Amino acid sequence: MRKLTFLMRRFKFLIIKLLRLKDHSHKVALGFSLGSIVNFIPTFGFGLMISVGLAKLCKGNSIAGLIGGMLFMWAFPLLFYLNMVVGSYIFPVDLDQTFLDAAFLVSFD
């Protein structure tokens, strides 16, 4: 319970910090959106650094990028699953045949 309380207080703090940023609204929105976009791809633990760096690179607010990356970090498994589902509609691949072809090629090497 104590950890959950800490996480909720941290979440509220980040939201208040995001709302009180003293920067142009376009820069804040750009940083937040770029920070949250990073959660659509696997970053192997470097997501927060990438979201801050991407926000700075595109001249957005880096604090908003950090907050955007942190807020949607929990949703990565869901977003990755949705990416796979949409990708299978665009590029349908029969995995059984692919594995069979790979095993057939390996057996003759």
C-alpha atoms as a PDB file:
ATOM      1  CA  MET A   1       0.000   0.000   0.000  1.00  0.00           C
ATOM      2  CA  ARG A   2       2.861   2.326   0.802  1.00  0.00           C
ATOM      3  CA  LYS A   3       4.429   1.861  -2.634  1.00  0.00           C
ATOM      4  CA  LEU A   4       1.099   2.478  -4.365  1.00  0.00           C
ATOM      5  CA  THR A   5       0.673   5.708  -2.423  1.00  0.00           C
ATOM      6  CA  PHE A   6       4.165   6.781  -3.439  1.00  0.00           C
ATOM      7  CA  LEU A   7       3.453   6.035  -7.096  1.00  0.00           C
ATOM      8  CA  MET A   8       0.166   7.942  -7.024  1.00  0.00           C
ATOM      9  CA  ARG A   9       1.840  10.962  -5.425  1.00  0.00           C
ATOM     10  CA  ARG A  10       4.627  10.814  -8.023  1.00  0.00           C
ATOM     11  CA  PHE A  11       2.068  10.608 -10.837  1.00  0.00           C
ATOM     12  CA  LYS A  12       0.190  13.642  -9.494  1.00  0.00           C
ATOM     13  CA  PHE A  13       3.462  15.534  -9.118  1.00  0.00           C
ATOM     14  CA  LEU A  14       4.402  14.861 -12.736  1.00  0.00           C
ATOM     15  CA  ILE A  15       0.990  15.955 -14.002  1.00  0.00           C
ATOM     16  CA  ILE A  16       1.174  19.191 -12.007  1.00  0.00           C
ATOM     17  CA  LYS A  17       4.708  19.786 -13.239  1.00  0.00           C
ATOM     18  CA  LEU A  18       3.554  19.251 -16.834  1.00  0.00           C
ATOM     19  CA  LEU A  19       0.676  21.686 -16.437  1.00  0.00           C
ATOM     20  CA  ARG A  20       2.879  24.373 -14.880  1.00  0.00           C
ATOM     21  CA  LEU A  21       5.664  24.343 -17.461  1.00  0.00           C
ATOM     22  CA  LYS A  22       6.674  27.847 -18.504  1.00  0.00           C
ATOM     23  CA  ASP A  23       7.160  27.314 -22.204  1.00  0.00           C
ATOM     24  CA  HIS A  24       5.233  27.773 -25.419  1.00  0.00           C
ATOM     25  CA  SER A  25       2.303  25.405 -25.690  1.00  0.00           C
ATOM     26  CA  HIS A  26       3.570  24.116 -29.036  1.00  0.00           C
ATOM     27  CA  LYS A  27       6.917  23.067 -27.523  1.00  0.00           C
ATOM     28  CA  VAL A  28       5.231  21.361 -24.584  1.00  0.00           C
ATOM     29  CA  ALA A  29       2.817  19.481 -26.852  1.00  0.00           C
ATOM     30  CA  LEU A  30       5.640  18.478 -29.197  1.00  0.00           C
ATOM     31  CA  GLY A  31       7.782  17.180 -26.339  1.00  0.00           C
ATOM     32  CA  PHE A  32       4.889  15.260 -24.790  1.00  0.00           C
ATOM     33  CA  SER A  33       3.834  13.664 -28.063  1.00  0.00           C
ATOM     34  CA  LEU A  34       7.377  12.672 -29.013  1.00  0.00           C
ATOM     35  CA  GLY A  35       7.927  11.251 -25.546  1.00  0.00           C
ATOM     36  CA  SER A  36       4.813   9.128 -25.742  1.00  0.00           C
ATOM     37  CA  ILE A  37       5.523   7.959 -29.318  1.00  0.00           C
ATOM     38  CA  VAL A  38       8.652   6.182 -28.086  1.00  0.00           C
ATOM     39  CA  ASN A  39       6.401   3.682 -26.275  1.00  0.00           C
ATOM     40  CA  PHE A  40       5.235   2.226 -29.596  1.00  0.00           C
ATOM     41  CA  ILE A  41       8.595   0.561 -30.250  1.00  0.00           C
ATOM     42  CA  PRO A  42      10.749  -1.696 -28.058  1.00  0.00           C
ATOM     43  CA  THR A  43      13.560   0.392 -26.552  1.00  0.00           C
ATOM     44  CA  PHE A  44      14.963  -2.206 -24.116  1.00  0.00           C
ATOM     45  CA  GLY A  45      15.069   0.104 -21.091  1.00  0.00           C
ATOM     46  CA  PHE A  46      16.325   3.208 -22.870  1.00  0.00           C
ATOM     47  CA  GLY A  47      12.869   4.652 -23.551  1.00  0.00           C
ATOM     48  CA  LEU A  48      13.098   7.579 -21.151  1.00  0.00           C
ATOM     49  CA  MET A  49      16.488   8.664 -22.457  1.00  0.00           C
ATOM     50  CA  ILE A  50      15.286   8.335 -26.037  1.00  0.00           C
ATOM     51  CA  SER A  51      12.119  10.345 -25.337  1.00  0.00           C
ATOM     52  CA  VAL A  52      14.093  13.191 -23.731  1.00  0.00           C
ATOM     53  CA  GLY A  53      16.682  13.138 -26.520  1.00  0.00           C
ATOM     54  CA  LEU A  54      14.041  13.048 -29.236  1.00  0.00           C
ATOM     55  CA  ALA A  55      12.195  15.970 -27.655  1.00  0.00           C
ATOM     56  CA  LYS A  56      15.429  17.999 -27.477  1.00  0.00           C
ATOM     57  CA  LEU A  57      16.387  17.047 -31.023  1.00  0.00           C
ATOM     58  CA  CYS A  58      13.059  18.290 -32.408  1.00  0.00           C
ATOM     59  CA  LYS A  59      13.185  21.462 -30.262  1.00  0.00           C
ATOM     60  CA  GLY A  60      10.357  20.391 -27.970  1.00  0.00           C
ATOM     61  CA  ASN A  61      10.239  20.578 -24.190  1.00  0.00           C
ATOM     62  CA  SER A  62      12.407  17.817 -22.716  1.00  0.00           C
ATOM     63  CA  ILE A  63      10.534  17.687 -19.387  1.00  0.00           C
ATOM     64  CA  ALA A  64       7.270  17.149 -21.277  1.00  0.00           C
ATOM     65  CA  GLY A  65       9.022  14.405 -23.282  1.00  0.00           C
ATOM     66  CA  LEU A  66      10.116  12.708 -20.076  1.00  0.00           C
ATOM     67  CA  ILE A  67       6.623  12.891 -18.614  1.00  0.00           C
ATOM     68  CA  GLY A  68       5.061  11.611 -21.853  1.00  0.00           C
ATOM     69  CA  GLY A  69       7.459   8.676 -21.825  1.00  0.00           C
ATOM     70  CA  MET A  70       6.753   7.871 -18.194  1.00  0.00           C
ATOM     71  CA  LEU A  71       2.977   8.130 -18.374  1.00  0.00           C
ATOM     72  CA  PHE A  72       2.527   5.547 -21.123  1.00  0.00           C
ATOM     73  CA  MET A  73       5.335   3.165 -20.178  1.00  0.00           C
ATOM     74  CA  TRP A  74       2.833   0.711 -18.675  1.00  0.00           C
ATOM     75  CA  ALA A  75       0.979   0.491 -21.996  1.00  0.00           C
ATOM     76  CA  PHE A  76       3.927  -0.868 -24.005  1.00  0.00           C
ATOM     77  CA  PRO A  77       2.741  -4.518 -24.052  1.00  0.00           C
ATOM     78  CA  LEU A  78      -0.706  -3.477 -25.266  1.00  0.00           C
ATOM     79  CA  LEU A  79       0.726  -1.111 -27.898  1.00  0.00           C
ATOM     80  CA  PHE A  80       3.193  -3.742 -29.100  1.00  0.00           C
ATOM     81  CA  TYR A  81       0.400  -6.306 -29.431  1.00  0.00           C
ATOM     82  CA  LEU A  82      -1.709  -3.834 -31.421  1.00  0.00           C
ATOM     83  CA  ASN A  83       1.280  -3.114 -33.676  1.00  0.00           C
ATOM     84  CA  MET A  84       1.636  -6.839 -34.351  1.00  0.00           C
ATOM     85  CA  VAL A  85      -2.071  -7.248 -35.129  1.00  0.00           C
ATOM     86  CA  VAL A  86      -2.131  -4.321 -37.551  1.00  0.00           C
ATOM     87  CA  GLY A  87       1.124  -5.497 -39.122  1.00  0.00           C
ATOM     88  CA  SER A  88      -0.304  -8.971 -39.703  1.00  0.00           C
ATOM     89  CA  TYR A  89      -3.182  -7.419 -41.651  1.00  0.00           C
ATOM     90  CA  ILE A  90      -0.807  -5.379 -43.807  1.00  0.00           C
ATOM     91  CA  PHE A  91       1.880  -8.068 -44.280  1.00  0.00           C
ATOM     92  CA  PRO A  92       0.287 -11.487 -43.679  1.00  0.00           C
ATOM     93  CA  VAL A  93       2.939 -14.107 -42.934  1.00  0.00           C
ATOM     94  CA  ASP A  94       2.280 -17.799 -42.449  1.00  0.00           C
ATOM     95  CA  LEU A  95       4.667 -18.603 -39.585  1.00  0.00           C
ATOM     96  CA  ASP A  96       4.292 -22.377 -39.905  1.00  0.00           C
ATOM     97  CA  GLN A  97       5.467 -22.279 -43.520  1.00  0.00           C
ATOM     98  CA  THR A  98       8.262 -19.840 -42.649  1.00  0.00           C
ATOM     99  CA  PHE A  99       9.578 -22.111 -39.877  1.00  0.00           C
ATOM    100  CA  LEU A 100       9.275 -25.145 -42.145  1.00  0.00           C
ATOM    101  CA  ASP A 101      11.274 -23.398 -44.875  1.00  0.00           C
ATOM    102  CA  ALA A 102      13.927 -22.327 -42.361  1.00  0.00           C
ATOM    103  CA  ALA A 103      14.233 -25.871 -40.979  1.00  0.00           C
ATOM    104  CA  PHE A 104      14.471 -27.275 -44.521  1.00  0.00           C
ATOM    105  CA  LEU A 105      17.284 -24.855 -45.410  1.00  0.00           C
ATOM    106  CA  VAL A 106      19.186 -25.581 -42.203  1.00  0.00           C
ATOM    107  CA  SER A 107      19.015 -29.343 -42.723  1.00  0.00           C
ATOM    108  CA  PHE A 108      20.942 -29.083 -46.023  1.00  0.00           C
ATOM    109  CA  ASP A 109      23.740 -26.821 -44.706  1.00  0.00           C
END
